[in-house]
Amino acid sequence: MVLQLAVSALVVLAVVAVVGSIVSRRTAESVSIHEAATLTDVLAEDVVQPALTDAMATSPAAAAALDSIVRSRVLSHSILRVKIWSPDGLILYSDEPRLVGHTYQLDSDDRLAFSSPQTRADVSDLSAPENRYERGHGKMLEVYRPIWTPSGHPLLFETYSRYSIVSSRAGDLWRGFSGVMLSSLIAITVLLTPLVWTLLARARRASKQREALLERSMQASTDERERIAASLHDGVVQDLVAASFAISAAERSSTENGDVALQTQLQHSGAAIRTSIKAMRSLLVDIYPASLQASGLVPALTDLVASQHDSRVETRLDEAAAARLSPDQREAVYRIAQECLRNAIRHSGASAISLAVTGEPHGVLLSVTDDGGGFDTEAASTSGHFGHQLVTAQAARIGAELGLRSAPGQGTSWRVRVQTP
């Protein structure tokens, strides 16, 4: 659960950080471009437009009077080029003299600036012929807007800035946004940590309570099994044995008297009672293995397999390894083997079942495998299947390592490793 929460938190933080970074960088870039447009507006209205004359609307020579003003008050480290255009595409002024007096086709955005006066900013198309002298400065941002002569003739004022200035400003803004964003995420994480820790503590307590309830339930089941087995052994089984002896005596008497019909009936009755005694003793072994405490794990497992009367079960039981287990470990291993074997015989549809107890350097390994239909292990663990819970709780009770491998159509393999001194 802790790992899932940690991974989920990291994924959320990563997604928020990436999305926030992209949004903040784009926002910062937009803010930087807006600042460049604002600067061009200020220069156009407060520096260039007041210096315009009506003659500059048609005469490049008259526009040359702007040169000293532009070079002293407009050009800077960031603004590298200035152009003033007439509506028909004639460059009336530029700080690059080779452009003055040349006519170029205005694109749709430039023409739109005349018909719908506003400030626009775009990345410069350095492949255009009018921009050939800007190609050595890398990516550039051009900002353009209309200006007017005293008599109202419109002209187009255009500045070219290093795009690196925009990128640098965007980087500064982005770092500021990122700092706020990351600090907020960290603060939220710190605030949520106690809540998550409390939830985990509650989950652990609930899990321990469920384990304790299941363990008490299993202990109560064991006690009830012992009581029922004792009652059956001392009551029904003894009565059946006594009835078997009586029928055997009556059978001998009928034989001596030559009563063949009675002898046959008694033989059938005796066989039925002996079959019932055998089935009852198998049931007693299944309910409560008395041989587990008296003789050990291997005899108890041998009796368990024999009581199933199933030729599919193959056993490989190491008595020396089983003897290393404590009484609690023997009981838990027996219960796990009993449950796994019962499921394999009744539900798997397997053609071969294997039960093995083997020794390892630091413990004992119980394995129960079959080649049957298998099942979805995740669904079994989350659906509260009693058999799965019983095996899991028994393994947890003795601190054993439990391994389960199964899938629909792939058979089932249970492996329980028990640590021993």
Foldseek 3Di string as FASTA:
>chain_A
DVVVVVVVLVVVVVVCLVVLLVVLLVVQLVVLQVVVLVVVVCCQPPQPQVPFAPVLLPALVVVCVCQVSCVVPPDDQFWHKKFKAHLQQATSDINPVVRHGDGDDDDPVQNVLVVPFDKDKDWDPCVDPSNVVVVVLPIKMKIKGWHAHPVGRIMIIMIITRCVVSSVSSVVSSVVSSVVSVVVSVVVVVVCVVVVVVVVVVVVVVVVVVLVVLVVVVVVQLVVLVVVLVCCVVPVLVVLVVVLVVLVVVLVVCVVVVVVVSNVVSVVVSVVSVVVSLLSVLVNLLSHNPCCVVPHQVVSVVSPVVSVVDPQEDEAEDPVQRVLDDSLLSVLLNVLCSLLVVCCVPPFPFSHWYWYWADDPFWIKTKIWTQGQWDDPVCCVVVPPPSVVSNVSSLVVQVWDWDWDTHGNGTIMIMTTHGGD
